[in-house]
Structures are given as C-alpha cells and as structure tokens.
Amino acid sequence: MRDAAAQQMTFARQYLLELVNATPRAEWFRIPAGAVSNIAWQIGHLTVAQYGLMLFRQRGRTEIDAELMPGPFRKRFAKGTDPRSISADTISCDDLLAAMQRVHE
C-alpha cells in the first residue's frame, strides 16, 4: 500500500507541475469570474498542506522548519485565508515554486 500511495503522490505532483508550467505566470494571480481563488494561492495552499500533513503531523516541528515553512508563508496560505490578498506584489511565482520544492524534498 505504501508503494501505491507513493506512486500516486508522484503522479499527482508531476501532473500539477505540468499544469503549473503550462500556465503563463501573468495568469497566476488572476481570479477568474465566478471563481474564488487563483493559481498562486492554490500552489501556496498545497505547499502548506503538504508540510502540515506530511511533515509536521508525522514528526513535529524541527529547527529547519523556520526555513522550510516560515510562519508568514504558512499564515498567508492557511485554511480560511483570502486568495484575493495574494498578488505579484506580495509573493513571486519563483518563491512559490521554491517553497513547494523545499517541502517536497
């Protein structure tokens, strides 16, 4: 079961990265009509969720976590935060992708 779960996570990550890389970065911060979120917030939220579910809940906080998942980043993308507060002025696409990669590694 563990191997199947790892394969599913690998597939989901690859698919996500394909979608993200195919989307122009200028579109990451736009909330489409009728939608409640944008791509940038979704990437940040997935990063925070992966950290919380796969690292923090499994091993607790460690010294490296301040660099891995800084408090301001976590608070910006936590459940219940407002995707409209995320813009290219508040975080860059490169910073979002770097945080996602750090947590994944």
Protein backbone atom coordinates (compact mmCIF):
# COMPACT_ATOMS: atom_id res chain seq x y z
CA MET A 1 0.00 0.00 0.00
CA ARG A 2 2.84 2.35 0.81
CA ASP A 3 4.36 1.97 -2.65
CA ALA A 4 0.98 2.57 -4.31
CA ALA A 5 0.48 5.74 -2.26
CA ALA A 6 3.99 6.96 -3.16
CA GLN A 7 3.30 6.33 -6.85
CA GLN A 8 0.02 8.24 -6.66
CA MET A 9 1.76 11.19 -4.97
CA THR A 10 4.50 11.18 -7.61
CA PHE A 11 1.92 11.12 -10.40
CA ALA A 12 -0.13 13.92 -8.79
CA ARG A 13 2.96 16.09 -8.32
CA GLN A 14 4.11 15.57 -11.92
CA TYR A 15 0.65 16.39 -13.23
CA LEU A 16 0.44 19.51 -11.06
CA LEU A 17 3.83 20.71 -12.27
CA GLU A 18 2.83 20.15 -15.89
CA LEU A 19 -0.32 22.24 -15.40
CA VAL A 20 1.52 24.97 -13.49
CA ASN A 21 4.33 25.18 -16.05
CA ALA A 22 1.82 25.36 -18.91
CA THR A 23 0.05 28.34 -17.33
CA PRO A 24 1.51 31.80 -18.04
CA ARG A 25 2.77 33.32 -14.80
CA ALA A 26 0.86 36.51 -15.55
CA GLU A 27 -2.31 34.47 -15.01
CA TRP A 28 -1.33 33.01 -11.63
CA PHE A 29 -2.74 35.91 -9.64
CA ARG A 30 -5.97 36.42 -11.58
CA ILE A 31 -9.18 35.13 -10.05
CA PRO A 32 -11.47 34.17 -12.95
CA ALA A 33 -15.06 35.38 -12.95
CA GLY A 34 -17.15 33.08 -10.78
CA ALA A 35 -14.09 31.54 -9.09
CA VAL A 36 -12.97 32.10 -5.52
CA SER A 37 -9.24 31.54 -5.85
CA ASN A 38 -6.20 31.91 -8.06
CA ILE A 39 -3.37 29.60 -9.05
CA ALA A 40 -0.80 31.33 -6.83
CA TRP A 41 -2.93 30.83 -3.71
CA GLN A 42 -3.60 27.20 -4.65
CA ILE A 43 0.13 26.49 -5.01
CA GLY A 44 0.84 28.13 -1.66
CA HIS A 45 -2.04 26.30 -0.01
CA LEU A 46 -0.93 22.92 -1.39
CA THR A 47 2.58 23.63 -0.11
CA VAL A 48 1.30 24.46 3.38
CA ALA A 49 -0.98 21.40 3.36
CA GLN A 50 1.85 19.09 2.27
CA TYR A 51 4.09 20.46 5.00
CA GLY A 52 1.36 20.11 7.62
CA LEU A 53 0.18 16.64 6.66
CA MET A 54 3.41 15.02 5.56
CA LEU A 55 5.98 16.58 7.85
CA PHE A 56 4.59 18.43 10.86
CA ARG A 57 1.97 15.84 11.81
CA GLN A 58 4.40 12.98 11.28
CA ARG A 59 7.46 14.32 13.09
CA GLY A 60 6.53 17.56 14.81
CA ARG A 61 8.45 20.83 14.36
CA THR A 62 12.19 20.78 13.86
CA GLU A 63 14.83 23.52 13.72
CA ILE A 64 14.89 23.50 9.91
CA ASP A 65 11.15 24.28 9.71
CA ALA A 66 11.69 28.02 10.15
CA GLU A 67 13.47 27.99 6.78
CA LEU A 68 11.38 25.24 5.23
CA MET A 69 7.99 26.73 6.12
CA PRO A 70 8.33 30.25 7.57
CA GLY A 71 5.42 31.39 9.73
CA PRO A 72 4.41 34.29 7.46
CA PHE A 73 4.21 31.95 4.46
CA ARG A 74 2.13 29.43 6.43
CA LYS A 75 -0.24 32.16 7.67
CA ARG A 76 -0.68 33.61 4.17
CA PHE A 77 -1.88 30.30 2.67
CA ALA A 78 -3.53 28.50 5.59
CA LYS A 79 -7.10 27.29 5.52
CA GLY A 80 -9.52 30.20 5.66
CA THR A 81 -7.14 32.80 4.21
CA ASP A 82 -8.28 35.12 1.43
CA PRO A 83 -6.87 34.32 -2.04
CA ARG A 84 -7.57 37.94 -3.04
CA SER A 85 -4.76 39.01 -0.71
CA ILE A 86 -2.21 37.17 -2.85
CA SER A 87 -0.66 39.19 -5.67
CA ALA A 88 2.60 39.52 -7.55
CA ASP A 89 3.36 42.34 -5.10
CA THR A 90 3.13 40.02 -2.08
CA ILE A 91 4.97 36.93 -3.41
CA SER A 92 6.66 35.89 -6.63
CA CYS A 93 5.93 32.82 -8.71
CA ASP A 94 9.55 31.74 -8.20
CA ASP A 95 9.17 31.98 -4.41
CA LEU A 96 6.02 29.86 -4.53
CA LEU A 97 7.70 27.18 -6.62
CA ALA A 98 10.82 27.24 -4.43
CA ALA A 99 8.73 26.72 -1.28
CA MET A 100 6.84 23.86 -2.91
CA GLN A 101 10.14 22.23 -3.92
CA ARG A 102 11.68 22.65 -0.44
CA VAL A 103 8.73 20.95 1.21
CA HIS A 104 8.72 18.17 -1.37
CA GLU A 105 12.43 17.44 -0.87
